Amino acid sequence: MTTQAVCLSRQDDIRLPMQAGEEFSWLEGDSLLLEPEQLRARLEILDALDAGFGDLDSVRRETSRGIRHRAQAIRTRLEAINAELYQAIRYEIVHGAQGSGVLRWMEASASREERESAAPGPGYDWRDEVLSGILHLREPSEASVHRADEMVFYQPTPVRHILRLIVASALSAVDVFVDLGSGLGHVPLLASMLTGAKSLGIEVEAAYIASAQECAQRLQLSRVRFLHEDARAADLSAGTVFYLYSPFTGSMLAEVLGRLRKQSASRPIRICTLGACACTVAQESWLMARARPDPDQITVFQTSL
């Protein structure tokens, strides 16, 4: 049995403090866990350590303090290995390796079910940890973010849905991908890294735009741009694939869809949705869904023939 299989099968045990001594001995002595290929296993163990031991009170009895110190030592060692791996992937990106490194680490640790379909809903998994470690985005404070009426609270798109979006929309290097309400920029950044497509993130929050631009510049992703602008006024004339993770509702969504309809008069476009806006987009007579619209999954719409 591989180390990864052992880690995953014993994850629930690691969550139980009364079994920590036995589990920590196993973790401390398993050198295979330190291999780069065991990325997912390390992430699973780090999650288990946080869940099981992250909230131990430092004034509890000596045995608990000992367990906590051992947990912290393991956490520090595993995080350091992951940090080195993320730095190596960033180096590849900066030096022109189209996101092969990113995809390699996500695909290598994915189960067959994870590769073939995306779990529904907004939850996150280990792939989001991988992307977060690679992008190393600066998160602005909530105090710097101001939302207007009809704008939805920002929530990053889970990586599994971004991967599904790329496949379902057949996104390629000839496309211009536009994320309407791009937030911190996860989707444009990953889409461009994996496909070579030009990507544009349009976001009304200046703090999010600043962080996304910093990341694109740091990784030297020249085909990714971010605009601090309202989607109702931004220039959409270059886009071929548009994405909405339900960034706004009501009249604002209707106005943006009206602008997209005008764009479709000059060229074929695809619109990808996730969340509640899928039901609204499905009512647009000028669009046709490639599959049954589902708010919990990526739905791709194309111009009706």
Protein backbone atom coordinates (compact mmCIF):
# COMPACT_ATOMS: atom_id res chain seq x y z
CA MET A 1 0.00 0.00 0.00
CA THR A 2 1.33 3.46 -0.86
CA THR A 3 1.95 6.13 1.73
CA GLN A 4 -0.80 8.25 0.21
CA ALA A 5 -3.35 5.47 0.59
CA VAL A 6 -2.37 4.96 4.23
CA CYS A 7 -2.65 8.68 4.97
CA LEU A 8 -6.09 8.95 3.46
CA SER A 9 -7.42 5.81 5.10
CA ARG A 10 -6.22 6.88 8.57
CA GLN A 11 -7.29 10.51 8.30
CA ASP A 12 -10.30 10.07 10.62
CA ASP A 13 -8.11 8.50 13.32
CA ILE A 14 -5.78 11.50 13.28
CA ARG A 15 -8.72 13.65 14.27
CA LEU A 16 -9.02 11.86 17.62
CA PRO A 17 -6.70 13.32 20.32
CA MET A 18 -6.71 10.15 22.47
CA GLN A 19 -5.01 8.26 19.63
CA ALA A 20 -2.49 11.01 18.87
CA GLY A 21 0.56 9.32 20.39
CA GLU A 22 0.27 6.33 18.08
CA GLU A 23 -0.57 8.43 15.03
CA PHE A 24 2.24 10.90 15.61
CA SER A 25 4.79 8.11 15.87
CA TRP A 26 3.65 6.88 12.49
CA LEU A 27 3.74 10.35 10.95
CA GLU A 28 7.10 11.22 12.44
CA GLY A 29 8.68 8.05 11.10
CA ASP A 30 7.20 7.97 7.60
CA SER A 31 9.89 9.35 5.29
CA LEU A 32 7.84 8.63 2.15
CA LEU A 33 5.40 11.32 3.27
CA LEU A 34 8.15 13.86 2.62
CA GLU A 35 8.34 13.01 -1.09
CA PRO A 36 6.98 15.78 -3.38
CA GLU A 37 4.48 13.36 -4.95
CA GLN A 38 2.71 13.00 -1.60
CA LEU A 39 1.30 16.53 -1.81
CA ARG A 40 -2.34 15.55 -1.39
CA ALA A 41 -1.53 13.24 1.50
CA ARG A 42 0.28 16.06 3.29
CA LEU A 43 -2.65 18.42 2.74
CA GLU A 44 -5.09 15.84 4.12
CA ILE A 45 -2.93 15.34 7.21
CA LEU A 46 -2.56 19.09 7.75
CA ASP A 47 -6.34 19.45 7.64
CA ALA A 48 -6.70 16.59 10.12
CA LEU A 49 -4.13 18.12 12.46
CA ASP A 50 -5.92 21.48 12.36
CA ALA A 51 -9.27 19.83 13.05
CA GLY A 52 -8.01 17.56 15.82
CA PHE A 53 -5.35 19.58 17.59
CA GLY A 54 -5.44 23.16 16.38
CA ASP A 55 -7.49 24.37 19.34
CA LEU A 56 -5.74 22.67 22.25
CA ASP A 57 -5.39 25.04 25.22
CA SER A 58 -1.74 25.56 26.16
CA VAL A 59 -2.49 25.31 29.87
CA ARG A 60 -3.90 21.77 29.70
CA ARG A 61 -2.06 18.89 31.36
CA GLU A 62 1.51 18.09 30.35
CA THR A 63 0.56 15.21 28.05
CA SER A 64 -1.70 17.52 26.02
CA ARG A 65 1.05 20.10 25.76
CA GLY A 66 3.40 17.39 24.52
CA ILE A 67 0.91 16.28 21.92
CA ARG A 68 0.42 19.86 20.80
CA HIS A 69 4.15 20.41 20.41
CA ARG A 70 4.49 17.23 18.36
CA ALA A 71 1.53 18.27 16.19
CA GLN A 72 3.12 21.66 15.59
CA ALA A 73 6.46 20.07 14.65
CA ILE A 74 4.76 17.81 12.10
CA ARG A 75 2.70 20.71 10.75
CA THR A 76 5.79 22.90 10.34
CA ARG A 77 7.70 20.17 8.52
CA LEU A 78 4.87 19.33 6.10
CA GLU A 79 4.11 23.01 5.39
CA ALA A 80 7.78 23.66 4.62
CA ILE A 81 7.86 20.84 2.07
CA ASN A 82 4.68 22.14 0.41
CA ALA A 83 6.07 25.70 0.36
CA GLU A 84 9.18 24.48 -1.49
CA LEU A 85 7.01 22.67 -4.01
CA TYR A 86 4.81 25.73 -4.60
CA GLN A 87 7.91 27.85 -5.12
CA ALA A 88 9.19 25.38 -7.72
CA ILE A 89 5.87 25.53 -9.58
CA ARG A 90 5.94 29.34 -9.50
CA TYR A 91 9.45 29.22 -10.94
CA GLU A 92 8.17 27.10 -13.84
CA ILE A 93 5.34 29.54 -14.51
CA VAL A 94 7.61 32.59 -14.43
CA HIS A 95 9.98 30.92 -16.89
CA GLY A 96 7.26 30.23 -19.43
CA ALA A 97 6.05 26.71 -18.63
CA GLN A 98 2.33 26.89 -19.44
CA GLY A 99 0.47 25.63 -16.35
CA SER A 100 1.70 22.06 -16.81
CA GLY A 101 3.15 22.10 -13.31
CA VAL A 102 -0.11 23.25 -11.76
CA LEU A 103 -2.20 20.66 -13.61
CA ARG A 104 0.35 17.91 -13.01
CA TRP A 105 0.11 18.21 -9.24
CA MET A 106 -3.68 18.44 -9.29
CA GLU A 107 -4.19 15.55 -11.70
CA ALA A 108 -1.58 13.24 -10.17
CA SER A 109 -3.36 13.18 -6.81
CA ALA A 110 -6.94 13.21 -8.10
CA SER A 111 -9.11 10.12 -8.06
CA ARG A 112 -10.73 8.93 -11.26
CA GLU A 113 -14.08 10.35 -10.10
CA GLU A 114 -12.50 13.74 -9.39
CA ARG A 115 -10.91 13.86 -12.83
CA GLU A 116 -14.10 12.92 -14.65
CA SER A 117 -16.66 15.06 -12.81
CA ALA A 118 -16.89 17.93 -10.37
CA ALA A 119 -18.74 17.51 -7.09
CA PRO A 120 -21.72 19.88 -7.01
CA GLY A 121 -21.96 22.93 -4.80
CA PRO A 122 -19.68 25.62 -3.39
CA GLY A 123 -17.48 23.52 -1.08
CA TYR A 124 -13.68 23.51 -1.38
CA ASP A 125 -11.18 20.65 -1.44
CA TRP A 126 -7.42 19.98 -1.51
CA ARG A 127 -7.04 21.46 -5.01
CA ASP A 128 -8.00 24.88 -3.66
CA GLU A 129 -5.17 24.57 -1.14
CA VAL A 130 -2.77 23.82 -4.00
CA LEU A 131 -3.86 26.84 -6.05
CA SER A 132 -3.77 29.09 -2.99
CA GLY A 133 -0.22 27.96 -2.23
CA ILE A 134 0.89 28.64 -5.79
CA LEU A 135 -0.78 32.01 -6.30
CA HIS A 136 -0.04 33.30 -2.80
CA LEU A 137 -2.63 36.05 -3.19
CA ARG A 138 -2.81 38.90 -0.73
CA GLU A 139 -6.27 38.92 0.84
CA PRO A 140 -7.60 42.47 1.39
CA SER A 141 -9.32 43.22 4.67
CA GLU A 142 -13.10 43.26 4.70
CA ALA A 143 -12.92 46.91 5.78
CA SER A 144 -11.53 47.81 2.36
CA VAL A 145 -14.35 46.08 0.45
CA HIS A 146 -17.60 47.92 -0.27
CA ARG A 147 -20.55 46.27 -2.02
CA ALA A 148 -23.32 48.09 -3.82
CA ASP A 149 -26.91 46.94 -3.96
CA GLU A 150 -27.49 43.78 -6.06
CA MET A 151 -23.82 42.77 -5.74
CA VAL A 152 -23.34 39.36 -4.16
CA PHE A 153 -20.83 38.63 -1.37
CA TYR A 154 -17.58 37.48 -3.01
CA GLN A 155 -16.78 33.78 -2.88
CA PRO A 156 -13.93 32.27 -4.93
CA THR A 157 -14.86 29.64 -7.49
CA PRO A 158 -13.71 26.18 -6.30
CA VAL A 159 -10.85 24.86 -8.44
CA ARG A 160 -12.77 21.73 -9.45
CA HIS A 161 -15.37 23.96 -11.11
CA ILE A 162 -12.67 26.01 -12.88
CA LEU A 163 -11.23 22.81 -14.33
CA ARG A 164 -14.71 21.75 -15.43
CA LEU A 165 -15.32 25.19 -16.98
CA ILE A 166 -12.17 24.86 -19.10
CA VAL A 167 -13.21 21.46 -20.44
CA ALA A 168 -16.93 22.19 -20.89
CA SER A 169 -16.37 25.48 -22.72
CA ALA A 170 -13.47 24.08 -24.81
CA LEU A 171 -11.43 27.11 -23.75
CA SER A 172 -8.22 27.41 -25.76
CA ALA A 173 -5.39 29.78 -26.65
CA VAL A 174 -7.48 31.38 -29.41
CA ASP A 175 -10.10 32.57 -26.90
CA VAL A 176 -10.40 35.71 -24.82
CA PHE A 177 -11.81 34.70 -21.45
CA VAL A 178 -13.68 37.36 -19.45
CA ASP A 179 -14.60 36.87 -15.79
CA LEU A 180 -17.36 39.30 -14.82
CA GLY A 181 -16.87 39.92 -11.12
CA SER A 182 -13.43 38.33 -10.90
CA GLY A 183 -12.70 39.02 -7.23
CA LEU A 184 -9.13 38.01 -6.40
CA GLY A 185 -8.65 36.65 -9.90
CA HIS A 186 -8.37 32.89 -9.31
CA VAL A 187 -10.36 31.99 -12.42
CA PRO A 188 -8.63 34.22 -15.02
CA LEU A 189 -5.21 33.32 -13.61
CA LEU A 190 -5.74 29.56 -13.68
CA ALA A 191 -7.61 29.59 -17.01
CA SER A 192 -4.76 31.42 -18.71
CA MET A 193 -2.07 29.26 -17.09
CA LEU A 194 -3.71 26.03 -18.22
CA THR A 195 -4.88 26.99 -21.71
CA GLY A 196 -2.81 29.96 -22.88
CA ALA A 197 -6.01 31.95 -23.45
CA LYS A 198 -5.99 35.70 -22.96
CA SER A 199 -7.90 36.39 -19.76
CA LEU A 200 -9.56 39.52 -18.46
CA GLY A 201 -10.91 39.95 -14.96
CA ILE A 202 -13.44 42.72 -14.45
CA GLU A 203 -14.04 43.69 -10.83
CA VAL A 204 -15.52 46.75 -9.15
CA GLU A 205 -13.59 46.32 -5.88
CA ALA A 206 -10.23 48.10 -6.13
CA ALA A 207 -8.67 46.06 -3.31
CA TYR A 208 -9.34 42.80 -5.16
CA ILE A 209 -7.98 44.18 -8.41
CA ALA A 210 -4.76 45.32 -6.75
CA SER A 211 -4.13 41.87 -5.30
CA ALA A 212 -4.92 40.09 -8.59
CA GLN A 213 -2.65 42.41 -10.59
CA GLU A 214 0.20 41.87 -8.13
CA CYS A 215 -0.11 38.11 -8.60
CA ALA A 216 -0.21 38.30 -12.41
CA GLN A 217 2.86 40.54 -12.45
CA ARG A 218 4.75 38.37 -9.97
CA LEU A 219 4.12 35.27 -12.11
CA GLN A 220 4.80 37.24 -15.32
CA LEU A 221 1.46 36.23 -16.82
CA SER A 222 1.37 38.74 -19.65
CA ARG A 223 -1.86 37.31 -21.11
CA VAL A 224 -3.87 38.09 -17.96
CA ARG A 225 -5.26 41.56 -17.24
CA PHE A 226 -7.55 42.97 -14.57
CA LEU A 227 -9.76 46.02 -14.90
CA HIS A 228 -11.18 48.03 -12.01
CA GLU A 229 -14.52 48.68 -13.63
CA ASP A 230 -18.25 48.03 -13.44
CA ALA A 231 -19.36 45.17 -15.71
CA ARG A 232 -22.18 47.40 -16.96
CA ALA A 233 -19.66 49.84 -18.46
CA ALA A 234 -16.55 47.75 -19.23
CA ASP A 235 -15.43 47.05 -22.80
CA LEU A 236 -16.54 43.49 -23.61
CA SER A 237 -15.80 43.60 -27.33
CA ALA A 238 -12.86 41.19 -27.29
CA GLY A 239 -14.44 38.42 -25.22
CA THR A 240 -15.36 35.03 -26.64
CA VAL A 241 -16.00 33.16 -23.37
CA PHE A 242 -17.65 34.92 -20.42
CA TYR A 243 -17.99 33.67 -16.86
CA LEU A 244 -20.42 34.61 -14.10
CA TYR A 245 -20.30 33.08 -10.63
CA SER A 246 -23.56 34.88 -9.74
CA PRO A 247 -21.71 38.15 -9.03
CA PHE A 248 -24.85 40.29 -9.08
CA THR A 249 -28.62 39.97 -9.27
CA GLY A 250 -31.76 41.76 -10.39
CA SER A 251 -31.53 44.72 -12.76
CA MET A 252 -27.72 44.67 -12.71
CA LEU A 253 -27.62 41.10 -14.00
CA ALA A 254 -30.29 41.92 -16.58
CA GLU A 255 -28.27 44.91 -17.83
CA VAL A 256 -25.08 42.86 -18.16
CA LEU A 257 -26.94 40.11 -20.04
CA GLY A 258 -28.34 42.76 -22.36
CA ARG A 259 -24.81 43.95 -23.10
CA LEU A 260 -23.69 40.38 -23.79
CA ARG A 261 -26.59 39.91 -26.18
CA LYS A 262 -25.39 42.91 -28.18
CA GLN A 263 -21.90 41.37 -28.29
CA SER A 264 -23.34 38.12 -29.67
CA ALA A 265 -24.66 39.98 -32.72
CA SER A 266 -21.12 40.41 -34.03
CA ARG A 267 -19.61 36.98 -33.15
CA PRO A 268 -20.44 33.68 -31.44
CA ILE A 269 -19.86 33.76 -27.69
CA ARG A 270 -20.13 31.26 -24.85
CA ILE A 271 -21.35 32.14 -21.38
CA CYS A 272 -20.43 29.94 -18.42
CA THR A 273 -22.34 30.17 -15.14
CA LEU A 274 -22.17 28.82 -11.61
CA GLY A 275 -24.71 29.52 -8.91
CA ALA A 276 -28.19 31.02 -8.97
CA CYS A 277 -27.62 33.14 -12.07
CA ALA A 278 -27.77 29.95 -14.18
CA CYS A 279 -31.55 29.98 -13.86
CA THR A 280 -31.77 33.60 -15.03
CA VAL A 281 -29.40 33.06 -17.94
CA ALA A 282 -31.39 29.98 -18.97
CA GLN A 283 -34.41 32.25 -19.60
CA GLU A 284 -32.55 34.22 -22.28
CA SER A 285 -34.04 33.22 -25.62
CA TRP A 286 -30.88 34.12 -27.54
CA LEU A 287 -28.86 31.53 -25.63
CA MET A 288 -28.94 27.75 -25.64
CA ALA A 289 -27.57 25.61 -22.82
CA ARG A 290 -25.27 22.74 -23.82
CA ALA A 291 -26.65 20.71 -20.90
CA ARG A 292 -29.48 21.10 -18.44
CA PRO A 293 -28.79 24.28 -16.41
CA ASP A 294 -27.65 23.46 -12.90
CA PRO A 295 -26.83 26.16 -10.29
CA ASP A 296 -24.51 23.72 -8.50
CA GLN A 297 -22.40 22.95 -11.56
CA ILE A 298 -20.79 24.82 -14.43
CA THR A 299 -23.36 25.39 -17.19
CA VAL A 300 -22.21 26.50 -20.64
CA PHE A 301 -24.55 28.56 -22.83
CA GLN A 302 -23.90 29.44 -26.46
CA THR A 303 -25.53 31.73 -28.96
CA SER A 304 -28.67 30.17 -30.42
CA LEU A 305 -28.51 29.30 -34.11
